[in-house]
N, C-alpha and C. Protein backbone atom coordinates (compact mmCIF):
# COMPACT_ATOMS: atom_id res chain seq x y z
N MET A 1 0.63 -1.29 -0.05
CA MET A 1 -0.20 -0.16 -0.07
C MET A 1 0.83 1.26 -0.02
N GLU A 2 0.63 2.20 -0.63
CA GLU A 2 1.29 3.33 -1.06
C GLU A 2 0.94 4.19 0.12
N GLU A 3 1.88 4.91 0.87
CA GLU A 3 1.75 5.99 1.73
C GLU A 3 1.92 7.10 1.40
N PHE A 4 1.04 8.27 1.65
CA PHE A 4 1.13 9.56 1.45
C PHE A 4 1.60 10.39 2.56
N VAL A 5 2.35 11.69 2.11
CA VAL A 5 2.68 12.63 3.42
C VAL A 5 1.75 13.57 3.14
N VAL A 6 1.53 14.48 4.05
CA VAL A 6 0.67 15.78 4.01
C VAL A 6 1.73 16.82 3.58
N LEU A 7 1.73 17.80 2.53
CA LEU A 7 2.70 18.55 2.04
C LEU A 7 2.00 19.95 2.91
N VAL A 8 2.97 20.80 3.40
CA VAL A 8 2.52 21.91 4.08
C VAL A 8 3.60 23.24 3.67
N THR A 9 3.10 24.25 4.12
CA THR A 9 3.89 25.43 4.16
C THR A 9 4.86 25.66 5.36
N PRO A 10 5.66 26.42 5.67
CA PRO A 10 6.39 26.40 6.88
C PRO A 10 5.32 26.91 8.05
N GLN A 11 4.21 27.46 7.58
CA GLN A 11 3.19 27.85 8.71
C GLN A 11 2.26 26.72 8.83
N ASP A 12 2.54 25.42 8.46
CA ASP A 12 1.53 24.38 8.46
C ASP A 12 0.12 24.57 7.82
N GLU A 13 0.42 25.17 6.89
CA GLU A 13 -0.90 25.19 6.07
C GLU A 13 -0.71 24.18 4.62
N VAL A 14 -1.74 23.42 4.77
CA VAL A 14 -1.72 22.17 3.83
C VAL A 14 -1.79 22.65 2.39
N ILE A 15 -0.89 22.15 1.54
CA ILE A 15 -0.81 22.58 0.11
C ILE A 15 -0.91 21.31 -0.66
N GLY A 16 -1.21 20.23 -0.11
CA GLY A 16 -1.34 18.87 -1.15
C GLY A 16 -0.85 17.70 -0.40
N GLN A 17 -0.77 16.67 -1.20
CA GLN A 17 -0.02 15.32 -0.44
C GLN A 17 0.54 14.73 -1.58
N MET A 18 1.62 13.76 -1.22
CA MET A 18 2.29 13.37 -2.08
C MET A 18 2.82 11.90 -1.78
N GLU A 19 3.22 10.98 -2.51
CA GLU A 19 3.60 9.44 -2.15
C GLU A 19 4.89 9.78 -1.13
N LYS A 20 5.03 9.15 -0.18
CA LYS A 20 5.96 9.43 0.72
C LYS A 20 7.65 9.13 0.46
N LEU A 21 7.93 8.11 -0.48
CA LEU A 21 8.98 8.00 -0.96
C LEU A 21 9.30 9.02 -2.12
N LYS A 22 8.37 9.54 -2.80
CA LYS A 22 8.76 10.74 -3.69
C LYS A 22 8.91 11.87 -2.92
N ALA A 23 8.04 12.35 -1.83
CA ALA A 23 8.43 13.57 -0.93
C ALA A 23 10.17 13.38 -0.33
N HIS A 24 10.34 12.08 -0.06
CA HIS A 24 11.81 12.17 0.37
C HIS A 24 12.78 12.03 -0.76
N GLU A 25 12.50 11.69 -1.73
CA GLU A 25 13.30 11.76 -2.92
C GLU A 25 13.46 13.30 -3.39
N GLN A 26 12.44 14.04 -3.42
CA GLN A 26 12.42 15.47 -3.62
C GLN A 26 12.71 16.59 -2.45
N GLY A 27 12.84 15.96 -1.15
CA GLY A 27 13.00 16.79 -0.11
C GLY A 27 11.97 18.09 -0.05
N VAL A 28 10.53 17.52 -0.29
CA VAL A 28 9.64 18.35 0.04
C VAL A 28 8.93 18.58 1.42
N LEU A 29 8.66 19.60 1.93
CA LEU A 29 8.30 19.76 3.29
C LEU A 29 7.16 19.12 3.39
N HIS A 30 6.83 18.39 4.67
CA HIS A 30 5.72 17.82 4.88
C HIS A 30 5.73 17.47 6.39
N ARG A 31 4.37 17.19 6.81
CA ARG A 31 4.16 16.84 8.41
C ARG A 31 4.79 15.69 8.82
N ALA A 32 5.30 15.87 10.12
CA ALA A 32 5.85 14.75 10.77
C ALA A 32 5.61 14.89 12.29
N PHE A 33 5.83 13.76 12.85
CA PHE A 33 6.06 13.70 14.60
C PHE A 33 6.99 12.90 15.06
N SER A 34 7.34 13.45 16.01
CA SER A 34 8.14 12.45 16.74
C SER A 34 7.98 12.37 18.33
N VAL A 35 7.83 11.14 18.80
CA VAL A 35 7.62 10.71 20.14
C VAL A 35 8.96 10.27 20.99
N PHE A 36 9.04 10.93 22.20
CA PHE A 36 9.94 10.51 23.05
C PHE A 36 9.22 10.08 24.21
N LEU A 37 9.50 8.64 24.79
CA LEU A 37 9.13 8.12 25.83
C LEU A 37 10.15 7.88 26.66
N PHE A 38 9.86 8.01 28.19
CA PHE A 38 10.75 8.01 29.10
C PHE A 38 10.14 6.77 30.49
N ASP A 39 10.94 6.15 30.90
CA ASP A 39 10.60 5.49 32.06
C ASP A 39 10.62 6.45 33.35
N LYS A 40 10.29 5.39 34.64
CA LYS A 40 10.34 6.50 35.70
C LYS A 40 11.66 6.94 36.28
N GLN A 41 12.62 6.23 35.71
CA GLN A 41 14.09 6.82 35.83
C GLN A 41 14.84 7.93 35.25
N ASN A 42 13.69 8.48 34.11
CA ASN A 42 14.13 9.24 33.19
C ASN A 42 15.00 8.90 32.16
N ARG A 43 14.86 7.47 31.81
CA ARG A 43 15.67 6.93 30.71
C ARG A 43 14.85 7.28 29.50
N MET A 44 15.46 7.23 28.27
CA MET A 44 14.70 7.48 27.00
C MET A 44 14.46 6.17 26.42
N LEU A 45 13.40 5.87 26.07
CA LEU A 45 13.08 4.57 25.06
C LEU A 45 13.70 4.96 23.65
N LEU A 46 14.44 4.08 23.27
CA LEU A 46 14.97 3.98 21.86
C LEU A 46 14.66 2.81 21.13
N GLN A 47 14.21 2.92 19.67
CA GLN A 47 14.22 1.69 18.83
C GLN A 47 15.02 1.66 17.88
N LYS A 48 15.40 0.31 17.65
CA LYS A 48 16.12 0.14 16.27
C LYS A 48 15.43 -0.34 15.26
N ARG A 49 15.85 0.55 14.32
CA ARG A 49 14.69 0.41 13.13
C ARG A 49 15.27 -0.91 12.40
N ALA A 50 14.09 -1.42 11.81
CA ALA A 50 14.40 -2.69 11.23
C ALA A 50 14.94 -2.66 9.88
N HIS A 51 15.86 -3.76 9.74
CA HIS A 51 16.80 -3.93 8.71
C HIS A 51 16.27 -3.75 7.31
N THR A 52 14.88 -3.90 7.19
CA THR A 52 14.46 -4.01 6.01
C THR A 52 13.78 -2.75 5.73
N LYS A 53 13.84 -1.61 6.32
CA LYS A 53 13.40 -0.20 6.30
C LYS A 53 13.89 0.26 5.15
N TYR A 54 13.37 1.04 4.42
CA TYR A 54 13.92 1.60 3.02
C TYR A 54 15.06 2.69 3.25
N HIS A 55 15.13 3.44 4.25
CA HIS A 55 16.12 4.19 4.76
C HIS A 55 16.53 4.05 6.28
N SER A 56 17.56 4.35 6.59
CA SER A 56 18.29 4.37 7.77
C SER A 56 18.03 3.00 8.70
N PRO A 57 18.01 1.66 7.99
CA PRO A 57 17.66 0.52 8.58
C PRO A 57 18.86 0.15 9.63
N GLY A 58 18.33 -0.70 10.58
CA GLY A 58 19.21 -0.85 11.87
C GLY A 58 19.85 0.04 12.49
N GLU A 59 19.17 1.57 12.56
CA GLU A 59 19.78 2.52 13.14
C GLU A 59 18.83 2.76 14.25
N TRP A 60 19.51 3.54 15.41
CA TRP A 60 18.83 3.41 16.55
C TRP A 60 18.00 5.02 16.37
N THR A 61 16.93 5.23 17.02
CA THR A 61 16.29 6.50 16.74
C THR A 61 15.31 6.70 18.14
N ASN A 62 14.53 7.53 17.96
CA ASN A 62 13.55 7.84 19.28
C ASN A 62 12.29 6.65 19.00
N ALA A 63 11.64 6.81 20.26
CA ALA A 63 10.61 5.64 20.32
C ALA A 63 9.80 5.57 18.99
N CYS A 64 9.33 6.72 18.58
CA CYS A 64 8.25 6.35 17.24
C CYS A 64 8.62 7.91 16.51
N CYS A 65 8.47 7.75 15.21
CA CYS A 65 8.41 8.94 14.26
C CYS A 65 7.81 8.52 13.27
N SER A 66 7.00 9.32 12.62
CA SER A 66 6.20 9.11 11.30
C SER A 66 5.60 10.31 10.74
N HIS A 67 4.65 9.92 10.19
CA HIS A 67 3.62 11.10 9.24
C HIS A 67 2.23 10.99 9.48
N PRO A 68 1.58 11.98 10.01
CA PRO A 68 0.04 12.01 9.80
C PRO A 68 -0.48 11.68 8.53
N ARG A 69 -1.57 11.27 8.25
CA ARG A 69 -2.32 11.00 7.32
C ARG A 69 -3.13 12.02 7.13
N VAL A 70 -3.83 12.14 5.62
CA VAL A 70 -4.63 13.51 5.32
C VAL A 70 -5.82 13.09 6.45
N GLY A 71 -6.19 14.07 7.03
CA GLY A 71 -7.50 14.19 8.23
C GLY A 71 -7.20 13.66 9.40
N GLU A 72 -5.86 13.61 9.73
CA GLU A 72 -5.43 12.86 10.95
C GLU A 72 -4.65 14.03 11.68
N THR A 73 -4.97 14.27 13.08
CA THR A 73 -4.15 15.19 13.87
C THR A 73 -2.62 14.47 14.09
N TYR A 74 -1.78 15.32 14.31
CA TYR A 74 -0.55 14.98 14.82
C TYR A 74 -0.37 13.90 16.09
N GLU A 75 -1.47 14.23 16.85
CA GLU A 75 -1.64 13.55 18.10
C GLU A 75 -2.29 12.26 17.82
N GLN A 76 -3.17 11.98 16.92
CA GLN A 76 -3.93 10.73 16.53
C GLN A 76 -2.87 9.98 15.76
N ALA A 77 -1.93 10.76 14.88
CA ALA A 77 -1.13 9.86 14.26
C ALA A 77 0.16 9.20 14.97
N ALA A 78 0.44 10.08 16.09
CA ALA A 78 1.41 9.66 17.14
C ALA A 78 0.92 8.32 17.66
N LYS A 79 -0.04 8.38 18.05
CA LYS A 79 -0.61 7.24 19.14
C LYS A 79 -1.15 6.17 18.03
N ARG A 80 -1.47 6.40 16.70
CA ARG A 80 -1.72 5.07 15.77
C ARG A 80 -0.49 4.44 15.77
N ARG A 81 0.63 5.01 15.50
CA ARG A 81 1.93 4.38 15.11
C ARG A 81 2.58 4.07 16.55
N LEU A 82 2.44 4.36 17.78
CA LEU A 82 2.93 3.69 18.85
C LEU A 82 2.18 2.29 18.93
N ILE A 83 0.99 2.34 18.46
CA ILE A 83 0.55 0.94 18.43
C ILE A 83 0.99 0.03 17.34
N GLU A 84 1.05 0.45 16.04
CA GLU A 84 1.49 -0.18 14.92
C GLU A 84 3.11 -0.56 15.20
N GLU A 85 3.75 0.20 15.56
CA GLU A 85 5.16 -0.29 15.68
C GLU A 85 5.72 -0.90 17.05
N LEU A 86 5.27 -0.31 18.04
CA LEU A 86 5.61 -0.85 19.44
C LEU A 86 4.66 -1.76 20.11
N GLY A 87 3.59 -1.78 19.70
CA GLY A 87 2.35 -2.30 20.24
C GLY A 87 1.81 -1.89 21.54
N ILE A 88 1.84 -0.60 21.94
CA ILE A 88 1.64 -0.07 23.16
C ILE A 88 0.66 1.26 23.01
N GLU A 89 -0.03 1.52 24.01
CA GLU A 89 -0.91 2.66 24.08
C GLU A 89 -0.27 3.25 25.58
N THR A 90 -0.16 4.66 25.41
CA THR A 90 0.25 5.45 26.65
C THR A 90 -0.16 7.00 26.19
N PRO A 91 -0.49 7.63 27.31
CA PRO A 91 -0.63 9.15 27.15
C PRO A 91 0.48 9.93 26.67
N ILE A 92 0.35 10.84 25.90
CA ILE A 92 1.53 11.83 25.21
C ILE A 92 0.97 13.07 25.17
N GLU A 93 1.91 14.02 25.35
CA GLU A 93 1.38 15.42 25.30
C GLU A 93 2.58 16.01 24.21
N PRO A 94 2.00 17.31 23.61
CA PRO A 94 2.67 17.92 22.65
C PRO A 94 3.77 18.78 23.71
N LYS A 95 5.08 18.77 23.02
CA LYS A 95 5.92 19.67 23.65
C LYS A 95 6.55 21.06 22.94
N PHE A 96 6.57 20.70 21.48
CA PHE A 96 6.89 21.59 20.62
C PHE A 96 7.05 21.39 19.15
N HIS A 97 7.30 22.31 18.22
CA HIS A 97 7.35 21.78 16.82
C HIS A 97 8.50 22.45 16.14
N PHE A 98 9.01 22.09 15.13
CA PHE A 98 9.99 23.02 14.44
C PHE A 98 10.27 22.41 13.07
N LEU A 99 11.13 23.17 12.22
CA LEU A 99 11.08 22.78 10.84
C LEU A 99 12.63 22.10 10.90
N TYR A 100 12.87 21.03 10.21
CA TYR A 100 14.49 20.64 9.74
C TYR A 100 14.38 19.89 8.53
N LYS A 101 15.61 19.83 8.21
CA LYS A 101 16.17 19.21 6.75
C LYS A 101 17.21 18.34 7.05
N ALA A 102 17.40 17.11 6.75
CA ALA A 102 18.24 16.05 6.82
C ALA A 102 18.48 15.17 5.79
N GLU A 103 19.57 14.88 5.49
CA GLU A 103 19.71 13.76 4.45
C GLU A 103 20.09 12.61 5.15
N VAL A 104 19.29 11.55 4.79
CA VAL A 104 19.14 10.14 5.20
C VAL A 104 19.71 9.17 4.63
N GLY A 105 20.32 9.28 3.56
CA GLY A 105 21.29 8.26 2.76
C GLY A 105 20.45 7.99 1.77
N GLY A 106 20.84 7.38 0.85
CA GLY A 106 20.27 6.82 -0.31
C GLY A 106 19.69 7.79 -1.08
N ASN A 107 20.22 9.07 -1.38
CA ASN A 107 19.81 10.19 -2.07
C ASN A 107 18.16 10.73 -1.50
N LEU A 108 17.74 10.24 -0.08
CA LEU A 108 16.82 10.69 0.34
C LEU A 108 16.95 11.75 1.45
N ILE A 109 15.84 12.61 1.35
CA ILE A 109 16.09 13.75 2.24
C ILE A 109 14.68 13.82 3.08
N GLU A 110 15.06 14.15 4.52
CA GLU A 110 13.83 14.37 5.19
C GLU A 110 13.67 16.04 5.40
N HIS A 111 12.35 16.37 5.03
CA HIS A 111 12.16 17.85 5.25
C HIS A 111 10.97 17.99 5.86
N GLU A 112 10.84 18.22 7.14
CA GLU A 112 9.74 18.14 7.99
C GLU A 112 9.44 19.20 8.87
N LEU A 113 8.16 19.69 9.09
CA LEU A 113 7.53 20.17 9.97
C LEU A 113 7.28 19.21 11.25
N ASP A 114 7.92 19.10 12.11
CA ASP A 114 8.10 17.96 13.05
C ASP A 114 7.48 18.42 14.46
N HIS A 115 6.25 17.86 14.78
CA HIS A 115 5.76 18.08 16.02
C HIS A 115 6.44 16.91 16.96
N VAL A 116 6.71 17.39 18.22
CA VAL A 116 7.51 16.56 19.03
C VAL A 116 6.47 16.26 20.46
N PHE A 117 6.26 15.05 20.73
CA PHE A 117 5.41 14.54 21.79
C PHE A 117 6.21 13.67 22.84
N THR A 118 5.92 13.95 24.23
CA THR A 118 6.62 12.91 25.37
C THR A 118 5.45 12.28 25.91
N GLY A 119 5.97 11.39 26.81
CA GLY A 119 5.24 10.32 27.39
C GLY A 119 5.87 9.40 28.50
N LEU A 120 5.29 8.94 29.24
CA LEU A 120 5.85 8.03 30.25
C LEU A 120 5.40 6.54 29.99
N TYR A 121 6.21 5.60 29.77
CA TYR A 121 5.80 4.48 29.39
C TYR A 121 6.77 3.28 30.08
N GLU A 122 6.24 2.48 30.62
CA GLU A 122 6.92 1.12 31.50
C GLU A 122 6.03 -0.01 31.53
N GLY A 123 6.35 -1.09 30.49
CA GLY A 123 5.38 -2.10 30.48
C GLY A 123 6.08 -2.92 29.13
N GLU A 124 5.03 -3.85 28.77
CA GLU A 124 5.59 -4.79 27.82
C GLU A 124 5.59 -4.19 26.31
N PHE A 125 6.02 -4.67 25.31
CA PHE A 125 5.93 -4.27 24.00
C PHE A 125 5.46 -5.30 23.21
N ASP A 126 5.07 -5.10 22.07
CA ASP A 126 4.60 -6.37 20.90
C ASP A 126 5.06 -5.38 19.71
N LEU A 127 6.51 -5.51 19.47
CA LEU A 127 6.98 -4.93 18.35
C LEU A 127 6.95 -5.64 17.03
N ASN A 128 6.35 -4.71 16.08
CA ASN A 128 6.22 -4.97 14.77
C ASN A 128 7.50 -5.32 14.04
N LYS A 129 7.99 -6.32 13.74
CA LYS A 129 9.27 -6.85 13.19
C LYS A 129 9.50 -6.29 11.83
N ASP A 130 8.52 -5.75 11.05
CA ASP A 130 8.56 -5.01 9.99
C ASP A 130 9.12 -3.69 10.28
N GLU A 131 8.79 -3.11 11.22
CA GLU A 131 9.38 -1.64 11.76
C GLU A 131 10.46 -1.45 12.84
N VAL A 132 10.33 -2.39 13.75
CA VAL A 132 11.31 -2.37 14.72
C VAL A 132 12.01 -3.74 15.35
N GLU A 133 13.19 -3.43 15.03
CA GLU A 133 13.91 -4.79 15.58
C GLU A 133 14.36 -5.25 17.09
N GLN A 134 14.47 -3.90 17.83
CA GLN A 134 14.27 -4.09 19.16
C GLN A 134 14.40 -2.79 19.85
N VAL A 135 14.06 -2.71 21.24
CA VAL A 135 13.84 -1.41 21.96
C VAL A 135 15.01 -1.58 23.19
N ARG A 136 15.29 -0.59 23.68
CA ARG A 136 15.96 -0.10 25.05
C ARG A 136 15.78 1.22 25.54
N TYR A 137 16.01 1.24 26.87
CA TYR A 137 15.92 2.41 27.61
C TYR A 137 17.45 2.71 27.67
N LEU A 138 17.74 4.20 27.77
CA LEU A 138 19.01 4.52 27.99
C LEU A 138 19.11 5.86 28.81
N SER A 139 19.89 6.20 29.67
CA SER A 139 19.99 7.31 30.45
C SER A 139 20.23 8.29 29.47
N LEU A 140 20.09 9.82 29.68
CA LEU A 140 20.42 10.82 28.70
C LEU A 140 21.99 10.73 28.75
N GLU A 141 22.80 10.74 29.95
CA GLU A 141 24.11 10.47 29.88
C GLU A 141 24.82 9.47 29.12
N GLN A 142 24.08 8.15 29.22
CA GLN A 142 24.59 7.19 28.53
C GLN A 142 24.37 7.37 26.67
N LEU A 143 23.32 7.87 26.37
CA LEU A 143 22.84 8.30 24.96
C LEU A 143 23.87 9.35 24.59
N ASP A 144 24.15 10.25 25.44
CA ASP A 144 25.19 11.17 24.78
C ASP A 144 26.54 10.53 24.69
N LEU A 145 26.84 9.73 25.52
CA LEU A 145 28.10 9.16 25.17
C LEU A 145 28.29 8.17 24.04
N GLU A 146 27.11 7.48 23.86
CA GLU A 146 26.86 6.80 22.59
C GLU A 146 26.98 7.38 21.51
N LEU A 147 26.31 8.68 21.43
CA LEU A 147 26.04 9.51 20.50
C LEU A 147 27.63 9.95 19.94
N GLN A 148 28.18 10.37 21.12
CA GLN A 148 29.67 10.89 20.79
C GLN A 148 30.66 9.77 20.20
N GLU A 149 30.51 8.76 20.79
CA GLU A 149 31.37 7.39 20.08
C GLU A 149 30.97 6.55 18.99
N GLN A 150 29.82 6.75 18.71
CA GLN A 150 28.97 5.78 17.67
C GLN A 150 28.02 6.73 16.85
N PRO A 151 28.16 7.68 16.43
CA PRO A 151 27.13 8.71 15.97
C PRO A 151 26.58 7.93 14.76
N GLU A 152 27.32 7.09 14.02
CA GLU A 152 26.68 6.45 12.73
C GLU A 152 25.74 5.42 13.10
N ASN A 153 25.44 5.11 14.19
CA ASN A 153 24.68 4.00 14.62
C ASN A 153 23.09 4.67 15.24
N PHE A 154 22.93 6.08 14.85
CA PHE A 154 21.78 6.73 15.14
C PHE A 154 21.29 7.44 13.79
N THR A 155 19.91 7.49 13.96
CA THR A 155 19.40 8.27 12.72
C THR A 155 19.79 9.81 12.75
N PRO A 156 19.92 10.50 11.41
CA PRO A 156 20.33 11.68 11.59
C PRO A 156 19.03 12.56 12.00
N TRP A 157 17.96 12.35 11.79
CA TRP A 157 16.79 13.13 12.34
C TRP A 157 16.78 13.19 13.86
N PHE A 158 17.21 11.66 14.50
CA PHE A 158 16.98 11.86 15.82
C PHE A 158 18.21 12.73 16.35
N LYS A 159 19.29 12.82 15.93
CA LYS A 159 20.26 13.77 16.49
C LYS A 159 19.70 15.32 16.57
N ILE A 160 19.15 15.61 15.46
CA ILE A 160 18.44 16.80 15.41
C ILE A 160 17.48 17.10 16.47
N ILE A 161 16.47 16.03 16.37
CA ILE A 161 15.22 16.39 17.30
C ILE A 161 15.73 16.23 18.74
N LEU A 162 16.85 15.45 18.96
CA LEU A 162 17.43 15.31 20.39
C LEU A 162 17.71 16.70 20.93
N ASN A 163 18.67 17.29 19.88
CA ASN A 163 19.28 18.85 20.31
C ASN A 163 18.11 19.64 20.48
N GLN A 164 17.17 19.61 19.70
CA GLN A 164 15.94 20.44 19.93
C GLN A 164 15.24 20.16 21.43
N TYR A 165 15.16 19.01 21.48
CA TYR A 165 14.47 18.41 22.91
C TYR A 165 15.42 19.27 23.99
N LYS A 166 16.48 19.15 24.05
CA LYS A 166 17.46 19.55 25.15
C LYS A 166 17.22 21.09 25.12
N GLU A 167 17.21 21.64 24.13
CA GLU A 167 17.10 23.39 24.14
C GLU A 167 15.88 23.44 24.80
N HIS A 168 14.65 22.92 24.67
CA HIS A 168 13.51 23.12 25.17
C HIS A 168 13.24 22.85 26.69
N LEU A 169 14.31 21.87 27.27
CA LEU A 169 14.61 21.80 28.59
C LEU A 169 15.17 22.69 29.55
N LYS A 170 16.15 23.68 28.79
CA LYS A 170 16.65 24.69 29.28
C LYS A 170 15.64 25.91 30.07
């Protein structure tokens, strides 16, 4: 099934839709969301993308990120993808949004108006192996260390979004 993304202006005005792969090939601005989940020790949940993904396979990233469908709110899309990827339901709340552009390999570009959500989750997972290879929790200190020592193990957009997240904590 072809997936479409919602094309927008920098002010989040909808201007159309485009097949997801084509939008990433052309680097067209579209809606996206990212979810950061934490446990009670404030460790961040990371997912390792499945090796079958068409870009950034086998790389670590935040708990969940994807694109709203036409007619779907950012929050509805985030909750849908948490179920589809991780097999979980948990409350999330919006934190901030921003624009970014990043090359993700294979001549593909993420150019997104990204809405970032956070939440708390401790429980079992029912991973969709077509999407997620594994999950783990890391302290922010351990995450910073791994990002310094092995940046190639993490998705390009995660590094950008994590920096934005840290800026909003200040």
